[in-house]
């Protein structure tokens, strides 16, 4: 039988620098909580990844995921704010 906990899904949050460091720190804390919640419910290991705020960072993470044998996918969440 395959031990699915050997496989990883990365939890990736996107945001923007315009929100400021305090907000990005809070977004990271919230993202860690969400990833932990998924980790308790899914048969694979969910790994929190740092907040991504640039195109280059997103591209680098995707390349890293593609070259990591145990990474089988990404869960993505876009932090955004709308006063509407």
PDB file of N, CA and C in Angstrom:
ATOM      1  N   UNK A   1       0.838  -1.178   0.000  1.00  0.00           N
ATOM      2  CA  UNK A   1       0.000   0.000   0.000  1.00  0.00           C
ATOM      3  C   UNK A   1       0.888   1.249   0.000  1.00  0.00           C
ATOM      4  N   UNK A   2       0.480   2.253  -0.744  1.00  0.00           N
ATOM      5  CA  UNK A   2       1.230   3.514  -0.829  1.00  0.00           C
ATOM      6  C   UNK A   2       0.939   4.372   0.401  1.00  0.00           C
ATOM      7  N   UNK A   3       1.996   4.865   1.031  1.00  0.00           N
ATOM      8  CA  UNK A   3       1.847   5.805   2.142  1.00  0.00           C
ATOM      9  C   UNK A   3       1.693   7.207   1.550  1.00  0.00           C
ATOM     10  N   UNK A   4       0.458   7.689   1.477  1.00  0.00           N
ATOM     11  CA  UNK A   4       0.197   8.978   0.843  1.00  0.00           C
ATOM     12  C   UNK A   4       0.809  10.148   1.605  1.00  0.00           C
ATOM     13  N   UNK A   5       1.110   9.966   2.878  1.00  0.00           N
ATOM     14  CA  UNK A   5       1.732  11.058   3.651  1.00  0.00           C
ATOM     15  C   UNK A   5       3.174  11.322   3.204  1.00  0.00           C
ATOM     16  N   UNK A   6       3.710  10.468   2.328  1.00  0.00           N
ATOM     17  CA  UNK A   6       5.032  10.728   1.753  1.00  0.00           C
ATOM     18  C   UNK A   6       4.927  11.751   0.620  1.00  0.00           C
ATOM     19  N   UNK A   7       3.710  11.949   0.108  1.00  0.00           N
ATOM     20  CA  UNK A   7       3.485  12.884  -0.987  1.00  0.00           C
ATOM     21  C   UNK A   7       3.108  14.243  -0.431  1.00  0.00           C
ATOM     22  N   UNK A   8       3.473  15.290  -1.174  1.00  0.00           N
ATOM     23  CA  UNK A   8       3.242  16.662  -0.706  1.00  0.00           C
ATOM     24  C   UNK A   8       2.385  17.445  -1.689  1.00  0.00           C
ATOM     25  N   UNK A   9       1.508  18.255  -1.132  1.00  0.00           N
ATOM     26  CA  UNK A   9       0.807  19.299  -1.866  1.00  0.00           C
ATOM     27  C   UNK A   9       1.200  20.595  -1.188  1.00  0.00           C
ATOM     28  N   UNK A  10       1.638  21.557  -1.970  1.00  0.00           N
ATOM     29  CA  UNK A  10       2.105  22.823  -1.399  1.00  0.00           C
ATOM     30  C   UNK A  10       0.966  23.828  -1.365  1.00  0.00           C
ATOM     31  N   UNK A  11       0.801  24.483  -0.196  1.00  0.00           N
ATOM     32  CA  UNK A  11      -0.195  25.545  -0.051  1.00  0.00           C
ATOM     33  C   UNK A  11       0.498  26.875  -0.319  1.00  0.00           C
ATOM     34  N   UNK A  12       0.073  27.526  -1.394  1.00  0.00           N
ATOM     35  CA  UNK A  12       0.739  28.732  -1.884  1.00  0.00           C
ATOM     36  C   UNK A  12      -0.239  29.904  -1.845  1.00  0.00           C
ATOM     37  N   UNK A  13       0.179  31.005  -1.227  1.00  0.00           N
ATOM     38  CA  UNK A  13      -0.648  32.203  -1.157  1.00  0.00           C
ATOM     39  C   UNK A  13       0.010  33.328  -1.937  1.00  0.00           C
ATOM     40  N   UNK A  14      -0.765  33.955  -2.792  1.00  0.00           N
ATOM     41  CA  UNK A  14      -0.287  35.113  -3.531  1.00  0.00           C
ATOM     42  C   UNK A  14      -0.856  36.390  -2.932  1.00  0.00           C
ATOM     43  N   UNK A  15      -0.078  37.446  -2.971  1.00  0.00           N
ATOM     44  CA  UNK A  15      -0.528  38.750  -2.495  1.00  0.00           C
ATOM     45  C   UNK A  15       0.283  39.824  -3.210  1.00  0.00           C
ATOM     46  N   UNK A  16       0.243  41.043  -2.662  1.00  0.00           N
ATOM     47  CA  UNK A  16       0.954  42.167  -3.260  1.00  0.00           C
ATOM     48  C   UNK A  16       1.675  42.959  -2.172  1.00  0.00           C
ATOM     49  N   UNK A  17       2.819  43.531  -2.531  1.00  0.00           N
ATOM     50  CA  UNK A  17       3.572  44.348  -1.574  1.00  0.00           C
ATOM     51  C   UNK A  17       2.799  45.585  -1.123  1.00  0.00           C
ATOM     52  N   UNK A  18       1.863  46.035  -1.919  1.00  0.00           N
ATOM     53  CA  UNK A  18       1.162  47.285  -1.596  1.00  0.00           C
ATOM     54  C   UNK A  18       0.393  47.220  -0.284  1.00  0.00           C
ATOM     55  N   UNK A  19       0.143  46.021   0.226  1.00  0.00           N
ATOM     56  CA  UNK A  19      -0.563  45.895   1.496  1.00  0.00           C
ATOM     57  C   UNK A  19       0.329  46.191   2.698  1.00  0.00           C
ATOM     58  N   UNK A  20       1.645  46.131   2.521  1.00  0.00           N
ATOM     59  CA  UNK A  20       2.567  46.412   3.617  1.00  0.00           C
ATOM     60  C   UNK A  20       2.926  45.157   4.391  1.00  0.00           C
ATOM     61  N   UNK A  21       4.036  45.240   5.100  1.00  0.00           N
ATOM     62  CA  UNK A  21       4.581  44.073   5.791  1.00  0.00           C
ATOM     63  C   UNK A  21       3.671  43.555   6.895  1.00  0.00           C
ATOM     64  N   UNK A  22       3.027  44.442   7.625  1.00  0.00           N
ATOM     65  CA  UNK A  22       2.146  44.005   8.720  1.00  0.00           C
ATOM     66  C   UNK A  22       1.019  43.121   8.178  1.00  0.00           C
ATOM     67  N   UNK A  23       0.405  43.551   7.093  1.00  0.00           N
ATOM     68  CA  UNK A  23      -0.676  42.773   6.494  1.00  0.00           C
ATOM     69  C   UNK A  23      -0.149  41.458   5.936  1.00  0.00           C
ATOM     70  N   UNK A  24       1.003  41.495   5.258  1.00  0.00           N
ATOM     71  CA  UNK A  24       1.561  40.267   4.696  1.00  0.00           C
ATOM     72  C   UNK A  24       1.931  39.264   5.792  1.00  0.00           C
ATOM     73  N   UNK A  25       2.376  39.759   6.928  1.00  0.00           N
ATOM     74  CA  UNK A  25       2.676  38.881   8.062  1.00  0.00           C
ATOM     75  C   UNK A  25       1.393  38.209   8.550  1.00  0.00           C
ATOM     76  N   UNK A  26       0.309  38.965   8.636  1.00  0.00           N
ATOM     77  CA  UNK A  26      -0.971  38.396   9.063  1.00  0.00           C
ATOM     78  C   UNK A  26      -1.487  37.391   8.036  1.00  0.00           C
ATOM     79  N   UNK A  27      -1.330  37.705   6.757  1.00  0.00           N
ATOM     80  CA  UNK A  27      -1.743  36.779   5.692  1.00  0.00           C
ATOM     81  C   UNK A  27      -0.960  35.472   5.811  1.00  0.00           C
ATOM     82  N   UNK A  28       0.333  35.557   6.096  1.00  0.00           N
ATOM     83  CA  UNK A  28       1.146  34.354   6.265  1.00  0.00           C
ATOM     84  C   UNK A  28       0.651  33.519   7.442  1.00  0.00           C
ATOM     85  N   UNK A  29       0.333  34.164   8.546  1.00  0.00           N
ATOM     86  CA  UNK A  29      -0.189  33.442   9.713  1.00  0.00           C
ATOM     87  C   UNK A  29      -1.509  32.753   9.380  1.00  0.00           C
ATOM     88  N   UNK A  30      -2.392  33.467   8.679  1.00  0.00           N
ATOM     89  CA  UNK A  30      -3.670  32.873   8.280  1.00  0.00           C
ATOM     90  C   UNK A  30      -3.455  31.701   7.322  1.00  0.00           C
ATOM     91  N   UNK A  31      -2.512  31.849   6.416  1.00  0.00           N
ATOM     92  CA  UNK A  31      -2.217  30.786   5.456  1.00  0.00           C
ATOM     93  C   UNK A  31      -1.689  29.539   6.152  1.00  0.00           C
ATOM     94  N   UNK A  32      -0.873  29.728   7.181  1.00  0.00           N
ATOM     95  CA  UNK A  32      -0.369  28.583   7.947  1.00  0.00           C
ATOM     96  C   UNK A  32      -1.521  27.823   8.609  1.00  0.00           C
ATOM     97  N   UNK A  33      -2.488  28.554   9.114  1.00  0.00           N
ATOM     98  CA  UNK A  33      -3.652  27.931   9.757  1.00  0.00           C
ATOM     99  C   UNK A  33      -4.462  27.146   8.727  1.00  0.00           C
ATOM    100  N   UNK A  34      -4.673  27.736   7.560  1.00  0.00           N
ATOM    101  CA  UNK A  34      -5.429  27.058   6.502  1.00  0.00           C
ATOM    102  C   UNK A  34      -4.696  25.791   6.064  1.00  0.00           C
ATOM    103  N   UNK A  35      -3.384  25.894   5.850  1.00  0.00           N
ATOM    104  CA  UNK A  35      -2.603  24.728   5.429  1.00  0.00           C
ATOM    105  C   UNK A  35      -2.680  23.615   6.479  1.00  0.00           C
ATOM    106  N   UNK A  36      -2.578  23.979   7.741  1.00  0.00           N
ATOM    107  CA  UNK A  36      -2.669  22.983   8.820  1.00  0.00           C
ATOM    108  C   UNK A  36      -4.035  22.318   8.822  1.00  0.00           C
ATOM    109  N   UNK A  37      -5.072  23.093   8.546  1.00  0.00           N
ATOM    110  CA  UNK A  37      -6.424  22.538   8.496  1.00  0.00           C
ATOM    111  C   UNK A  37      -6.545  21.511   7.365  1.00  0.00           C
ATOM    112  N   UNK A  38      -6.003  21.849   6.195  1.00  0.00           N
ATOM    113  CA  UNK A  38      -5.997  20.896   5.082  1.00  0.00           C
ATOM    114  C   UNK A  38      -5.186  19.650   5.456  1.00  0.00           C
ATOM    115  N   UNK A  39      -4.080  19.872   6.126  1.00  0.00           N
ATOM    116  CA  UNK A  39      -3.197  18.769   6.495  1.00  0.00           C
ATOM    117  C   UNK A  39      -3.921  17.753   7.362  1.00  0.00           C
ATOM    118  N   UNK A  40      -4.854  18.212   8.190  1.00  0.00           N
ATOM    119  CA  UNK A  40      -5.618  17.324   9.057  1.00  0.00           C
ATOM    120  C   UNK A  40      -6.691  16.548   8.303  1.00  0.00           C
ATOM    121  N   UNK A  41      -7.066  17.015   7.100  1.00  0.00           N
ATOM    122  CA  UNK A  41      -8.196  16.430   6.384  1.00  0.00           C
ATOM    123  C   UNK A  41      -7.822  15.657   5.116  1.00  0.00           C
ATOM    124  N   UNK A  42      -6.646  15.882   4.587  1.00  0.00           N
ATOM    125  CA  UNK A  42      -6.240  15.250   3.334  1.00  0.00           C
ATOM    126  C   UNK A  42      -5.271  14.097   3.597  1.00  0.00           C
ATOM    127  N   UNK A  43      -5.264  13.096   2.741  1.00  0.00           N
ATOM    128  CA  UNK A  43      -4.385  11.949   2.952  1.00  0.00           C
ATOM    129  C   UNK A  43      -2.920  12.219   2.599  1.00  0.00           C
ATOM    130  N   UNK A  44      -2.648  13.370   1.957  1.00  0.00           N
ATOM    131  CA  UNK A  44      -1.272  13.744   1.621  1.00  0.00           C
ATOM    132  C   UNK A  44      -0.818  14.849   2.564  1.00  0.00           C
ATOM    133  N   UNK A  45       0.484  15.071   2.636  1.00  0.00           N
ATOM    134  CA  UNK A  45       1.034  16.124   3.494  1.00  0.00           C
ATOM    135  C   UNK A  45       0.866  17.475   2.794  1.00  0.00           C
ATOM    136  N   UNK A  46       0.303  18.440   3.498  1.00  0.00           N
ATOM    137  CA  UNK A  46       0.145  19.798   2.962  1.00  0.00           C
ATOM    138  C   UNK A  46       1.248  20.661   3.564  1.00  0.00           C
ATOM    139  N   UNK A  47       2.028  21.280   2.694  1.00  0.00           N
ATOM    140  CA  UNK A  47       3.191  22.075   3.100  1.00  0.00           C
ATOM    141  C   UNK A  47       2.899  23.553   2.849  1.00  0.00           C
ATOM    142  N   UNK A  48       2.975  24.361   3.893  1.00  0.00           N
ATOM    143  CA  UNK A  48       2.857  25.813   3.749  1.00  0.00           C
ATOM    144  C   UNK A  48       4.104  26.347   3.064  1.00  0.00           C
ATOM    145  N   UNK A  49       3.902  27.218   2.082  1.00  0.00           N
ATOM    146  CA  UNK A  49       5.016  27.907   1.422  1.00  0.00           C
ATOM    147  C   UNK A  49       4.868  29.407   1.677  1.00  0.00           C
ATOM    148  N   UNK A  50       5.981  30.135   1.731  1.00  0.00           N
ATOM    149  CA  UNK A  50       5.924  31.577   2.002  1.00  0.00           C
ATOM    150  C   UNK A  50       5.051  32.324   0.988  1.00  0.00           C
ATOM    151  N   UNK A  51       4.540  33.462   1.425  1.00  0.00           N
ATOM    152  CA  UNK A  51       3.692  34.311   0.586  1.00  0.00           C
ATOM    153  C   UNK A  51       4.484  34.757  -0.640  1.00  0.00           C
ATOM    154  N   UNK A  52       3.849  34.699  -1.793  1.00  0.00           N
ATOM    155  CA  UNK A  52       4.481  35.115  -3.049  1.00  0.00           C
ATOM    156  C   UNK A  52       3.874  36.433  -3.500  1.00  0.00           C
ATOM    157  N   UNK A  53       4.756  37.385  -3.846  1.00  0.00           N
ATOM    158  CA  UNK A  53       4.255  38.712  -4.213  1.00  0.00           C
ATOM    159  C   UNK A  53       4.780  39.199  -5.563  1.00  0.00           C
ATOM    160  N   UNK A  54       5.587  38.384  -6.228  1.00  0.00           N
ATOM    161  CA  UNK A  54       6.116  38.818  -7.518  1.00  0.00           C
ATOM    162  C   UNK A  54       6.004  37.690  -8.542  1.00  0.00           C
ATOM    163  N   UNK A  55       6.021  38.083  -9.796  1.00  0.00           N
ATOM    164  CA  UNK A  55       5.981  37.122 -10.893  1.00  0.00           C
ATOM    165  C   UNK A  55       7.187  36.181 -10.823  1.00  0.00           C
ATOM    166  N   UNK A  56       8.348  36.721 -10.541  1.00  0.00           N
ATOM    167  CA  UNK A  56       9.561  35.896 -10.456  1.00  0.00           C
ATOM    168  C   UNK A  56       9.474  34.867  -9.331  1.00  0.00           C
ATOM    169  N   UNK A  57       8.934  35.269  -8.187  1.00  0.00           N
ATOM    170  CA  UNK A  57       8.789  34.344  -7.064  1.00  0.00           C
ATOM    171  C   UNK A  57       7.821  33.210  -7.409  1.00  0.00           C
ATOM    172  N   UNK A  58       6.732  33.550  -8.082  1.00  0.00           N
ATOM    173  CA  UNK A  58       5.761  32.537  -8.490  1.00  0.00           C
ATOM    174  C   UNK A  58       6.402  31.564  -9.480  1.00  0.00           C
ATOM    175  N   UNK A  59       7.112  32.102 -10.451  1.00  0.00           N
ATOM    176  CA  UNK A  59       7.781  31.271 -11.446  1.00  0.00           C
ATOM    177  C   UNK A  59       8.796  30.335 -10.787  1.00  0.00           C
ATOM    178  N   UNK A  60       9.586  30.855  -9.869  1.00  0.00           N
ATOM    179  CA  UNK A  60      10.590  30.042  -9.175  1.00  0.00           C
ATOM    180  C   UNK A  60       9.944  28.920  -8.372  1.00  0.00           C
ATOM    181  N   UNK A  61       8.854  29.233  -7.685  1.00  0.00           N
ATOM    182  CA  UNK A  61       8.175  28.211  -6.894  1.00  0.00           C
ATOM    183  C   UNK A  61       7.618  27.110  -7.803  1.00  0.00           C
ATOM    184  N   UNK A  62       7.064  27.484  -8.935  1.00  0.00           N
ATOM    185  CA  UNK A  62       6.535  26.482  -9.868  1.00  0.00           C
ATOM    186  C   UNK A  62       7.645  25.590 -10.399  1.00  0.00           C
ATOM    187  N   UNK A  63       8.797  26.158 -10.703  1.00  0.00           N
ATOM    188  CA  UNK A  63       9.940  25.352 -11.141  1.00  0.00           C
ATOM    189  C   UNK A  63      10.388  24.399 -10.029  1.00  0.00           C
ATOM    190  N   UNK A  64      10.414  24.904  -8.799  1.00  0.00           N
ATOM    191  CA  UNK A  64      10.802  24.070  -7.659  1.00  0.00           C
ATOM    192  C   UNK A  64       9.813  22.923  -7.468  1.00  0.00           C
ATOM    193  N   UNK A  65       8.522  23.231  -7.556  1.00  0.00           N
ATOM    194  CA  UNK A  65       7.493  22.188  -7.407  1.00  0.00           C
ATOM    195  C   UNK A  65       7.647  21.120  -8.484  1.00  0.00           C
ATOM    196  N   UNK A  66       7.904  21.544  -9.714  1.00  0.00           N
ATOM    197  CA  UNK A  66       8.066  20.596 -10.817  1.00  0.00           C
ATOM    198  C   UNK A  66       9.274  19.694 -10.645  1.00  0.00           C
ATOM    199  N   UNK A  67      10.286  20.160  -9.942  1.00  0.00           N
ATOM    200  CA  UNK A  67      11.508  19.368  -9.786  1.00  0.00           C
ATOM    201  C   UNK A  67      11.584  18.635  -8.448  1.00  0.00           C
ATOM    202  N   UNK A  68      10.558  18.755  -7.630  1.00  0.00           N
ATOM    203  CA  UNK A  68      10.526  18.064  -6.337  1.00  0.00           C
ATOM    204  C   UNK A  68       9.708  16.782  -6.490  1.00  0.00           C
ATOM    205  N   UNK A  69      10.360  15.636  -6.399  1.00  0.00           N
ATOM    206  CA  UNK A  69       9.681  14.365  -6.698  1.00  0.00           C
ATOM    207  C   UNK A  69       8.430  14.091  -5.866  1.00  0.00           C
ATOM    208  N   UNK A  70       8.411  14.487  -4.603  1.00  0.00           N
ATOM    209  CA  UNK A  70       7.259  14.198  -3.745  1.00  0.00           C
ATOM    210  C   UNK A  70       6.130  15.211  -3.877  1.00  0.00           C
ATOM    211  N   UNK A  71       6.373  16.333  -4.564  1.00  0.00           N
ATOM    212  CA  UNK A  71       5.325  17.346  -4.735  1.00  0.00           C
ATOM    213  C   UNK A  71       4.409  16.909  -5.871  1.00  0.00           C
ATOM    214  N   UNK A  72       3.138  16.680  -5.534  1.00  0.00           N
ATOM    215  CA  UNK A  72       2.185  16.217  -6.543  1.00  0.00           C
ATOM    216  C   UNK A  72       1.201  17.305  -6.958  1.00  0.00           C
ATOM    217  N   UNK A  73       1.321  18.503  -6.371  1.00  0.00           N
ATOM    218  CA  UNK A  73       0.426  19.576  -6.778  1.00  0.00           C
ATOM    219  C   UNK A  73       0.504  20.787  -5.863  1.00  0.00           C
ATOM    220  N   UNK A  74      -0.250  21.815  -6.259  1.00  0.00           N
ATOM    221  CA  UNK A  74      -0.318  23.060  -5.502  1.00  0.00           C
ATOM    222  C   UNK A  74      -1.762  23.368  -5.161  1.00  0.00           C
ATOM    223  N   UNK A  75      -1.968  23.886  -3.974  1.00  0.00           N
ATOM    224  CA  UNK A  75      -3.239  24.517  -3.609  1.00  0.00           C
ATOM    225  C   UNK A  75      -2.925  26.003  -3.587  1.00  0.00           C
ATOM    226  N   UNK A  76      -3.654  26.792  -4.345  1.00  0.00           N
ATOM    227  CA  UNK A  76      -3.348  28.220  -4.416  1.00  0.00           C
ATOM    228  C   UNK A  76      -4.497  29.042  -3.837  1.00  0.00           C
ATOM    229  N   UNK A  77      -4.118  30.125  -3.160  1.00  0.00           N
ATOM    230  CA  UNK A  77      -5.082  31.067  -2.606  1.00  0.00           C
ATOM    231  C   UNK A  77      -4.533  32.460  -2.860  1.00  0.00           C
ATOM    232  N   UNK A  78      -5.362  33.308  -3.416  1.00  0.00           N
ATOM    233  CA  UNK A  78      -4.951  34.685  -3.676  1.00  0.00           C
ATOM    234  C   UNK A  78      -5.542  35.585  -2.619  1.00  0.00           C
ATOM    235  N   UNK A  79      -4.677  36.168  -1.780  1.00  0.00           N
ATOM    236  CA  UNK A  79      -5.116  37.150  -0.809  1.00  0.00           C
ATOM    237  C   UNK A  79      -5.400  38.450  -1.559  1.00  0.00           C
ATOM    238  N   UNK A  80      -6.547  38.980  -1.342  1.00  0.00           N
ATOM    239  CA  UNK A  80      -6.881  40.254  -1.973  1.00  0.00           C
ATOM    240  C   UNK A  80      -7.838  41.010  -1.059  1.00  0.00           C
ATOM    241  N   UNK A  81      -7.933  42.267  -1.287  1.00  0.00           N
ATOM    242  CA  UNK A  81      -8.815  43.104  -0.488  1.00  0.00           C
ATOM    243  C   UNK A  81      -9.697  43.902  -1.417  1.00  0.00           C
ATOM    244  N   UNK A  82     -10.966  43.909  -1.112  1.00  0.00           N
ATOM    245  CA  UNK A  82     -11.889  44.720  -1.894  1.00  0.00           C
ATOM    246  C   UNK A  82     -12.844  45.412  -0.926  1.00  0.00           C
ATOM    247  N   UNK A  83     -12.918  46.719  -0.960  1.00  0.00           N
ATOM    248  CA  UNK A  83     -13.836  47.421  -0.048  1.00  0.00           C
ATOM    249  C   UNK A  83     -15.297  47.329  -0.504  1.00  0.00           C
ATOM    250  N   UNK A  84     -15.544  46.650  -1.610  1.00  0.00           N
ATOM    251  CA  UNK A  84     -16.899  46.556  -2.155  1.00  0.00           C
ATOM    252  C   UNK A  84     -17.808  45.716  -1.298  1.00  0.00           C
TER     253      UNK A  84
END
